[in-house]
């Protein structure tokens, strides 16, 4: 359940950063050199099948950084 909660927060944060930059899903897909369906999966809070690399690339494009920490 924790992984789903983390993905929900990340999807929301990326979505909010996209809104702030007026960046559409198509625009993000184009900048990431990926498909719109991949971006939809990225932004779907219930889809946990997204790689860390994809999350990092999306975060960078919207002006953010992804930090992971083992606790």
Protein backbone atom coordinates (compact mmCIF):
# COMPACT_ATOMS: atom_id res chain seq x y z
CA UNK A 1 0.00 0.00 0.00
CA UNK A 2 2.87 2.37 0.67
CA UNK A 3 4.16 2.09 -2.91
CA UNK A 4 0.73 3.03 -4.25
CA UNK A 5 0.59 6.02 -1.91
CA UNK A 6 4.05 7.17 -3.04
CA UNK A 7 3.04 6.83 -6.70
CA UNK A 8 -0.15 8.83 -6.03
CA UNK A 9 1.87 11.68 -4.55
CA UNK A 10 4.46 11.63 -7.35
CA UNK A 11 1.77 11.58 -10.05
CA UNK A 12 -0.01 14.50 -8.37
CA UNK A 13 3.20 16.52 -7.99
CA UNK A 14 4.22 15.99 -11.61
CA UNK A 15 0.71 16.91 -12.72
CA UNK A 16 0.78 20.11 -10.66
CA UNK A 17 4.21 21.05 -12.01
CA UNK A 18 2.89 20.48 -15.53
CA UNK A 19 -0.03 22.83 -14.84
CA UNK A 20 2.32 25.48 -13.47
CA UNK A 21 4.42 25.27 -16.65
CA UNK A 22 1.31 25.04 -18.86
CA UNK A 23 2.63 21.76 -20.21
CA UNK A 24 0.14 19.28 -21.69
CA UNK A 25 0.45 15.51 -21.63
CA UNK A 26 1.30 15.63 -25.33
CA UNK A 27 3.95 18.26 -24.67
CA UNK A 28 5.50 16.21 -21.88
CA UNK A 29 5.46 13.09 -24.05
CA UNK A 30 7.18 14.98 -26.84
CA UNK A 31 9.89 16.33 -24.53
CA UNK A 32 10.42 12.91 -22.98
CA UNK A 33 10.52 11.33 -26.44
CA UNK A 34 7.86 8.85 -25.43
CA UNK A 35 4.21 8.15 -26.14
CA UNK A 36 1.18 9.88 -24.67
CA UNK A 37 0.07 6.50 -23.29
CA UNK A 38 3.32 6.30 -21.31
CA UNK A 39 2.65 9.78 -19.89
CA UNK A 40 -0.93 8.75 -19.02
CA UNK A 41 0.47 5.74 -17.12
CA UNK A 42 2.95 8.04 -15.40
CA UNK A 43 0.17 10.38 -14.26
CA UNK A 44 -2.24 7.58 -13.29
CA UNK A 45 -1.96 7.32 -9.50
CA UNK A 46 -3.17 3.71 -9.53
CA UNK A 47 -0.67 2.46 -12.15
CA UNK A 48 2.47 1.40 -10.33
CA UNK A 49 4.18 0.15 -13.47
CA UNK A 50 6.46 3.15 -14.04
CA UNK A 51 10.24 3.00 -13.84
CA UNK A 52 12.37 5.28 -11.71
CA UNK A 53 14.10 6.43 -14.88
CA UNK A 54 10.77 7.59 -16.32
CA UNK A 55 9.90 9.41 -13.11
CA UNK A 56 13.30 11.12 -13.07
CA UNK A 57 13.01 12.22 -16.70
CA UNK A 58 9.52 13.63 -16.15
CA UNK A 59 10.60 15.42 -12.98
CA UNK A 60 13.54 17.03 -14.74
CA UNK A 61 11.36 18.28 -17.61
CA UNK A 62 8.92 19.95 -15.21
CA UNK A 63 11.78 21.56 -13.27
CA UNK A 64 11.85 19.19 -10.34
CA UNK A 65 14.20 16.52 -8.97
CA UNK A 66 13.34 13.04 -7.78
CA UNK A 67 15.00 12.02 -4.52
CA UNK A 68 14.84 8.50 -3.12
CA UNK A 69 15.97 7.44 0.31
CA UNK A 70 16.23 4.15 2.14
CA UNK A 71 15.21 4.52 5.74
